[in-house]
Protein backbone atom coordinates (compact mmCIF):
# COMPACT_ATOMS: atom_id res chain seq x y z
CA MET A 1 -24.49 52.72 -26.70
CA GLY A 2 -26.41 53.67 -23.65
CA LYS A 3 -24.90 54.34 -20.32
CA LYS A 4 -24.37 51.40 -18.04
CA SER A 5 -27.14 50.99 -15.64
CA ARG A 6 -26.19 52.16 -12.26
CA ARG A 7 -27.39 49.96 -9.34
CA THR A 8 -27.31 51.41 -5.91
CA LYS A 9 -26.01 49.28 -3.20
CA PRO A 10 -28.65 48.33 -0.62
CA ALA A 11 -28.19 50.43 2.53
CA LYS A 12 -26.45 48.47 5.33
CA GLN A 13 -28.98 47.85 8.09
CA ARG A 14 -28.17 49.90 11.13
CA MET A 15 -27.64 47.80 14.34
CA PRO A 16 -30.37 48.81 16.84
CA PHE A 17 -29.02 50.27 20.02
CA VAL A 18 -29.59 48.14 23.08
CA ALA A 19 -28.71 49.60 26.48
CA ARG A 20 -28.79 46.43 28.52
CA THR A 21 -27.09 43.65 26.59
CA PHE A 22 -28.38 40.76 28.55
CA GLU A 23 -31.72 42.04 29.84
CA GLY A 24 -34.35 39.42 29.78
CA LEU A 25 -31.94 36.48 30.17
CA PRO A 26 -31.99 34.33 33.39
CA SER A 27 -29.56 35.85 35.84
CA GLU A 28 -28.69 38.86 33.81
CA GLY A 29 -26.03 40.02 36.29
CA ASP A 30 -24.16 36.80 36.03
CA TRP A 31 -23.92 37.12 32.28
CA VAL A 32 -22.21 40.55 32.81
CA ALA A 33 -19.87 39.03 35.38
CA LEU A 34 -18.76 36.11 33.14
CA ARG A 35 -18.38 38.43 30.16
CA GLU A 36 -16.27 41.07 32.04
CA PHE A 37 -14.93 40.01 35.44
CA VAL A 38 -14.83 36.21 36.17
CA PRO A 39 -11.76 34.49 34.79
CA SER A 40 -12.96 30.82 34.65
CA ALA A 41 -16.60 29.86 35.04
CA THR A 42 -19.36 28.03 33.17
CA ALA A 43 -23.13 27.75 33.28
CA THR A 44 -25.57 25.61 31.34
CA VAL A 45 -28.62 27.28 29.97
CA GLY A 46 -31.71 26.00 28.21
CA LEU A 47 -32.94 26.97 24.82
CA ARG A 48 -36.59 27.62 23.81
CA ASP A 49 -36.46 24.68 21.51
CA GLY A 50 -35.60 22.31 24.36
CA GLY A 51 -31.76 22.05 23.88
CA THR A 52 -29.04 23.42 26.08
CA VAL A 53 -25.83 25.34 25.65
CA ARG A 54 -22.84 25.68 28.02
CA ILE A 55 -21.84 29.30 28.52
CA CYS A 56 -18.11 29.81 29.28
CA SER A 57 -16.31 32.85 30.49
CA LEU A 58 -13.34 32.05 28.30
CA LEU A 59 -12.49 29.46 25.66
CA PRO A 60 -8.98 28.55 24.24
CA GLY A 61 -7.63 31.36 22.14
CA ALA A 62 -10.57 33.51 23.24
CA GLY A 63 -12.61 31.58 20.67
CA ALA A 64 -16.29 32.34 20.00
CA GLY A 65 -17.44 28.91 20.59
CA LEU A 66 -16.95 25.16 19.79
CA VAL A 67 -18.89 22.00 19.32
CA ARG A 68 -17.52 19.35 21.60
CA PRO A 69 -16.97 15.78 20.36
CA ASP A 70 -20.13 14.69 22.10
CA GLY A 71 -22.13 17.41 20.27
CA GLU A 72 -22.50 19.82 23.23
CA ILE A 73 -22.22 23.46 22.19
CA TRP A 74 -19.95 25.78 24.08
CA VAL A 75 -20.13 29.53 23.74
CA GLY A 76 -17.39 31.92 24.91
CA LEU A 77 -18.24 35.33 26.36
CA GLN A 78 -14.74 36.92 26.59
CA VAL A 79 -14.03 37.36 22.88
CA MET A 80 -12.17 39.91 20.81
CA HIS A 81 -15.12 40.58 18.29
CA ASN A 82 -18.01 42.93 18.81
CA HIS A 83 -20.32 43.58 15.87
CA GLY A 84 -22.45 46.13 17.70
CA ASP A 85 -24.59 43.98 19.92
CA ILE A 86 -22.92 41.19 21.96
CA SER A 87 -26.29 39.44 22.36
CA ARG A 88 -26.60 39.10 18.65
CA ASP A 89 -23.02 37.96 18.30
CA LEU A 90 -23.58 35.15 20.84
CA ALA A 91 -26.87 34.11 19.30
CA HIS A 92 -25.08 33.93 15.94
CA VAL A 93 -22.46 31.51 17.49
CA ILE A 94 -25.25 29.22 18.57
CA GLU A 95 -26.83 29.30 15.19
CA ILE A 96 -23.43 28.54 13.51
CA ALA A 97 -22.88 25.70 16.06
CA ARG A 98 -26.01 24.00 15.12
CA GLU A 99 -24.58 23.56 11.61
CA THR A 100 -21.12 22.56 12.74
CA GLU A 101 -19.68 19.08 12.95
CA PRO A 102 -18.75 17.81 16.55
CA GLY A 103 -15.18 18.39 17.64
CA THR A 104 -15.03 21.72 15.60
CA PRO A 105 -14.31 25.31 16.73
CA ILE A 106 -16.84 27.98 15.52
CA ARG A 107 -15.68 30.33 12.79
CA MET A 108 -17.29 33.57 13.60
CA THR A 109 -18.91 35.72 10.91
CA ALA A 110 -20.80 39.00 11.12
CA PRO A 111 -24.35 38.32 12.43
CA GLY A 112 -26.07 41.22 10.83
CA VAL A 113 -29.37 42.28 12.43
CA GLY A 114 -30.26 38.74 13.35
CA ALA A 115 -31.62 36.87 16.35
CA ARG A 116 -30.46 37.86 19.79
CA LEU A 117 -29.86 35.50 22.80
CA GLN A 118 -33.25 36.58 24.15
CA ASP A 119 -34.80 35.00 21.07
CA LEU A 120 -33.09 31.63 21.56
CA ILE A 121 -32.76 31.19 25.33
CA ASP A 122 -35.58 30.06 27.57
CA PRO A 123 -36.08 32.99 30.04
CA ASP A 124 -37.29 30.47 32.76
CA SER A 125 -34.06 28.35 32.48
CA ASP A 126 -31.59 27.91 35.31
CA PHE A 127 -28.30 29.74 34.99
CA GLU A 128 -26.22 28.29 37.85
CA VAL A 129 -22.65 29.53 37.64
CA GLU A 130 -19.87 27.12 38.41
CA LEU A 131 -16.47 28.67 39.18
CA HIS A 132 -13.30 26.86 38.32
CA ASP A 133 -9.88 27.18 39.82
CA GLY A 134 -8.33 26.80 36.38
CA PHE A 135 -9.08 25.89 32.79
CA ASP A 136 -8.68 22.10 32.98
CA TRP A 137 -12.35 21.83 31.98
CA TRP A 138 -11.16 22.94 28.43
CA LEU A 139 -9.58 19.51 27.82
CA VAL A 140 -11.14 16.55 26.14
CA GLU A 141 -9.82 13.12 27.08
CA GLN A 142 -7.57 12.79 23.95
CA ASP A 143 -5.80 16.15 24.78
CA ARG A 144 -4.75 15.27 28.29
CA ASP A 145 -1.51 13.58 27.14
CA SER A 146 -0.65 16.28 24.67
CA SER A 147 2.40 18.39 25.57
CA ALA A 148 1.08 21.34 23.51
CA ALA A 149 -2.29 21.28 25.36
CA ALA A 150 -0.53 20.97 28.65
CA ALA A 151 1.70 24.02 27.88
CA ALA A 152 -1.29 26.09 26.76
CA LEU A 153 -3.21 25.08 29.89
CA GLU A 154 -0.39 25.97 32.16
CA GLU A 155 -0.09 29.41 30.53
CA ALA A 156 -3.86 30.05 30.84
CA ASN A 157 -3.95 28.82 34.44
CA ALA A 158 -1.11 31.26 35.40
CA THR A 159 -3.54 34.20 34.60
CA ILE A 160 -6.23 33.02 36.97
CA ALA A 161 -7.23 35.41 39.77
CA PRO A 162 -9.01 33.37 42.46
CA THR A 163 -12.62 34.42 42.46
CA THR A 164 -15.53 33.59 44.85
CA LYS A 165 -19.32 34.26 44.37
CA LEU A 166 -21.26 35.60 47.31
CA THR A 167 -24.20 33.58 48.36
CA ALA A 168 -26.16 36.32 50.28
CA THR A 169 -26.99 38.21 47.14
CA ASP A 170 -27.08 37.82 43.32
CA SER A 171 -24.15 38.56 40.94
CA ALA A 172 -21.57 39.60 43.45
CA TYR A 173 -17.92 38.36 43.07
CA VAL A 174 -14.79 38.70 45.22
CA THR A 175 -11.56 38.52 43.25
CA ASP A 176 -8.08 38.12 44.80
CA MET A 177 -5.63 40.08 42.56
CA GLY A 178 -2.60 39.29 44.76
CA ASP A 179 -1.77 42.63 46.48
CA HIS A 180 -5.37 43.66 46.39
CA SER A 181 -8.84 42.10 46.61
CA TYR A 182 -12.06 43.47 45.31
CA LEU A 183 -15.82 42.92 45.47
CA ARG A 184 -17.74 43.64 42.29
CA TRP A 185 -21.47 43.58 42.68
CA ILE A 186 -23.53 43.76 39.50
CA MET A 187 -26.82 45.43 40.35
CA LEU A 188 -30.03 45.35 38.18
CA ASP A 189 -31.56 48.69 39.27
CA ASP A 190 -31.99 51.51 36.77
CA GLU A 191 -28.76 53.50 36.56
CA GLY A 192 -29.97 57.04 37.55
CA PRO A 193 -31.84 56.09 40.74
CA LEU A 194 -29.11 53.71 41.83
CA LEU A 195 -26.49 56.26 41.33
CA ASP A 196 -28.54 58.77 43.35
CA ALA A 197 -28.76 56.16 46.14
CA PHE A 198 -25.04 55.67 46.22
CA ALA A 199 -24.48 59.41 46.25
CA ARG A 200 -26.62 59.64 49.36
CA LEU A 201 -24.63 56.77 51.02
CA ARG A 202 -21.31 58.33 50.11
CA ALA A 203 -22.25 61.75 51.46
CA ALA A 204 -23.47 60.03 54.70
CA GLY A 205 -20.30 57.92 54.99
CA THR A 206 -22.37 54.64 54.82
CA ASP A 207 -21.22 53.35 51.41
CA SER A 208 -19.06 50.61 52.84
CA LEU A 209 -19.96 47.01 53.88
CA GLY A 210 -18.07 47.45 57.12
CA GLU A 211 -14.50 47.60 58.31
CA GLY A 212 -11.94 46.64 55.73
CA THR A 213 -14.14 47.66 52.76
CA GLU A 214 -13.91 50.86 50.80
CA LEU A 215 -16.14 51.84 47.79
CA ILE A 216 -13.60 52.90 45.16
CA GLY A 217 -15.75 53.40 42.08
CA ILE A 218 -18.56 52.14 39.95
CA PHE A 219 -18.27 50.46 36.50
CA ARG A 220 -20.93 50.81 33.82
CA ALA A 221 -21.16 47.41 32.20
CA HIS A 222 -23.79 46.54 29.60
CA GLY A 223 -26.21 49.03 30.92
CA LEU A 224 -25.83 48.04 34.55
CA LEU A 225 -23.88 49.68 37.43
CA VAL A 226 -21.19 47.48 39.18
CA PRO A 227 -20.04 49.08 42.45
CA VAL A 228 -16.45 48.09 43.32
CA TRP A 229 -15.13 47.79 46.88
CA GLU A 230 -11.47 47.33 47.75
CA LEU A 231 -11.07 44.81 50.54
CA ASP A 232 -8.54 44.74 53.28
CA GLY A 233 -8.46 41.41 55.12
CA VAL A 234 -12.10 40.72 54.43
CA GLY A 235 -13.21 37.51 52.85
CA ALA A 236 -16.39 36.23 51.28
CA ALA A 237 -17.85 34.86 54.49
CA GLU A 238 -17.67 38.25 56.21
CA LEU A 239 -19.10 39.94 53.19
CA ASP A 240 -21.99 37.56 53.06
CA ALA A 241 -22.77 38.36 56.65
CA ALA A 242 -22.61 42.04 55.92
CA VAL A 243 -24.76 42.13 52.72
CA PRO A 244 -28.20 42.01 54.36
CA ASP A 245 -27.59 45.16 56.52
CA PHE A 246 -25.95 46.96 53.57
CA ALA A 247 -28.78 45.98 51.23
CA ALA A 248 -31.29 47.44 53.74
CA VAL A 249 -29.53 50.73 53.89
CA LEU A 250 -29.27 50.90 50.13
CA ASP A 251 -32.92 50.07 49.71
CA GLU A 252 -33.77 52.92 52.01
CA ALA A 253 -31.71 55.25 49.98
CA LYS A 254 -33.29 54.05 46.79
CA SER A 255 -36.82 54.70 48.19
CA ARG A 256 -36.18 58.41 48.89
CA THR A 257 -37.79 60.87 46.50
CA ASP A 258 -36.47 64.15 47.89
CA GLU A 259 -33.98 66.16 45.88
CA LEU A 260 -30.26 65.41 46.45
CA SER A 261 -28.57 67.78 48.94
CA SER A 262 -25.55 69.78 47.99
CA ASP A 263 -23.22 67.31 49.53
CA GLU A 264 -25.03 64.46 47.82
CA ARG A 265 -24.78 66.13 44.42
CA THR A 266 -21.07 66.59 44.96
CA ALA A 267 -20.79 62.91 45.87
CA ARG A 268 -22.67 62.07 42.71
CA ARG A 269 -20.45 64.08 40.53
CA GLU A 270 -17.34 62.37 42.16
CA LEU A 271 -18.77 58.98 41.41
CA ILE A 272 -19.48 59.87 37.83
CA SER A 273 -15.98 61.31 37.36
CA ARG A 274 -14.47 58.03 38.46
CA GLN A 275 -16.82 55.87 36.43
CA VAL A 276 -15.46 53.46 33.78
CA THR A 277 -17.81 52.19 31.05
CA ILE A 278 -17.26 48.61 29.82
CA ARG A 279 -19.00 47.37 26.61
């Protein structure tokens, strides 16, 4: 008897590396904010085929998505799974939702190297973020008298940190954490030149947005830099007033092409040493 034939398993396709998860989508910075920083928010986005999807910061149970009883597709950004490219994960949720009955949560599966959000979403679509004080928007009408739903909602609402979006610039959010408040500003510039610019400002002592604001670090999130300022008695209105002047100072620093000075290189190293990467 001959030897059994040996079949080699097909090689698993490697997930292509993508530096900026949400690049090419409308309001790229707001996708990062809803994924990582904003507790309760939604935005409706258009698809290339003419449909729409509601993008949600967080769904019940950190679910991947659901199809509402009226057929509307909801996609959650703050989820536990990550198959190597969040954009492919989220696109896969939309694809599954199209085959799912209304009133049903999405059962997430591995997407493989399939479509990305950028393949499905209309790049010219609006992406207007609506902030919510709680998670009451989760409920459908028939759940409003449910004691279990009310208890889950109360627990979720207790975790909310009040958040305000600045109007003077894109993708900048103020979050009140109780004892401390922070401004997180998602910036779309290339990382290297932007970090150089902040190093110049830090060395010059001009990296604040005025009295009561202190730059305490810079996140790296989905290929973008997110400077974080701690706030002391400063609210969104004062920050909106300060943004234009600070943006002008930052733009001037970004435009410089001379080598960093010794003090600026030290400031850059300090910023990098305190940097936290979020994926």
